[in-house]
Amino acid sequence: MNFRMLIFSGVMTALAGAVLGIVVGHVSPMQSRRPVIFVVGSTLGFLIGTGYEAVQQYKDEEVDE
């Protein structure tokens, strides 16, 4: 398993989640929840990105065998 690619994918998706969190926080009428939305968006982005990349790497390893 390529851990560099796994972390890279997680970080890139976390950035996308953070940007989405910023947009949602900007639209949200409750200003007190903006930091929470940003953190949740980036955390979910990281988890989704690493999970997706792990599944892709697992499929590639399965095909090679």
Protein backbone atom coordinates (compact mmCIF):
# COMPACT_ATOMS: atom_id res chain seq x y z
CA MET A 1 0.00 0.00 0.00
CA ASN A 2 1.37 3.39 -0.99
CA PHE A 3 1.00 5.54 2.13
CA ARG A 4 2.28 8.72 0.46
CA MET A 5 -0.51 8.57 -2.08
CA LEU A 6 -3.00 7.75 0.66
CA ILE A 7 -2.01 10.83 2.71
CA PHE A 8 -1.83 13.04 -0.38
CA SER A 9 -5.32 12.03 -1.43
CA GLY A 10 -6.60 12.67 2.09
CA VAL A 11 -5.03 16.12 2.27
CA MET A 12 -6.33 17.16 -1.15
CA THR A 13 -9.85 16.03 -0.31
CA ALA A 14 -9.56 17.74 3.09
CA LEU A 15 -8.76 20.99 1.27
CA ALA A 16 -11.84 20.53 -0.88
CA GLY A 17 -13.90 19.83 2.24
CA ALA A 18 -12.46 22.91 3.95
CA VAL A 19 -13.39 25.11 0.99
CA LEU A 20 -16.87 23.63 0.98
CA GLY A 21 -17.04 24.29 4.73
CA ILE A 22 -16.03 27.91 4.19
CA VAL A 23 -18.74 28.34 1.55
CA VAL A 24 -21.40 26.74 3.73
CA GLY A 25 -20.23 28.79 6.71
CA HIS A 26 -20.47 31.95 4.64
CA VAL A 27 -24.02 31.15 3.60
CA SER A 28 -25.04 30.00 7.09
CA PRO A 29 -26.91 32.59 9.14
CA MET A 30 -25.27 31.39 12.39
CA GLN A 31 -21.80 32.90 12.55
CA SER A 32 -20.90 30.98 15.71
CA ARG A 33 -20.95 27.68 13.83
CA ARG A 34 -18.55 28.69 11.05
CA PRO A 35 -15.41 27.22 12.67
CA VAL A 36 -17.25 23.99 13.44
CA ILE A 37 -18.44 23.67 9.83
CA PHE A 38 -14.88 24.28 8.59
CA VAL A 39 -13.39 21.61 10.87
CA VAL A 40 -16.12 19.08 10.10
CA GLY A 41 -15.77 19.67 6.36
CA SER A 42 -12.01 19.21 6.36
CA THR A 43 -12.15 16.16 8.65
CA LEU A 44 -14.82 14.46 6.57
CA GLY A 45 -12.86 15.33 3.44
CA PHE A 46 -9.72 13.72 4.82
CA LEU A 47 -11.57 10.58 5.89
CA ILE A 48 -13.38 10.24 2.58
CA GLY A 49 -10.21 10.87 0.59
CA THR A 50 -8.10 8.33 2.45
CA GLY A 51 -10.91 5.79 2.41
CA TYR A 52 -11.45 6.15 -1.31
CA GLU A 53 -7.73 5.90 -2.07
CA ALA A 54 -7.39 2.84 0.17
CA VAL A 55 -10.20 1.10 -1.71
CA GLN A 56 -8.60 1.99 -5.05
CA GLN A 57 -5.21 0.65 -3.94
CA TYR A 58 -6.83 -2.52 -2.62
CA LYS A 59 -8.57 -3.07 -5.96
CA ASP A 60 -5.28 -2.54 -7.82
CA GLU A 61 -3.51 -5.06 -5.59
CA GLU A 62 -6.34 -7.56 -6.10
CA VAL A 63 -6.13 -7.23 -9.89
CA ASP A 64 -2.33 -7.73 -9.85
CA GLU A 65 -2.63 -11.03 -8.01
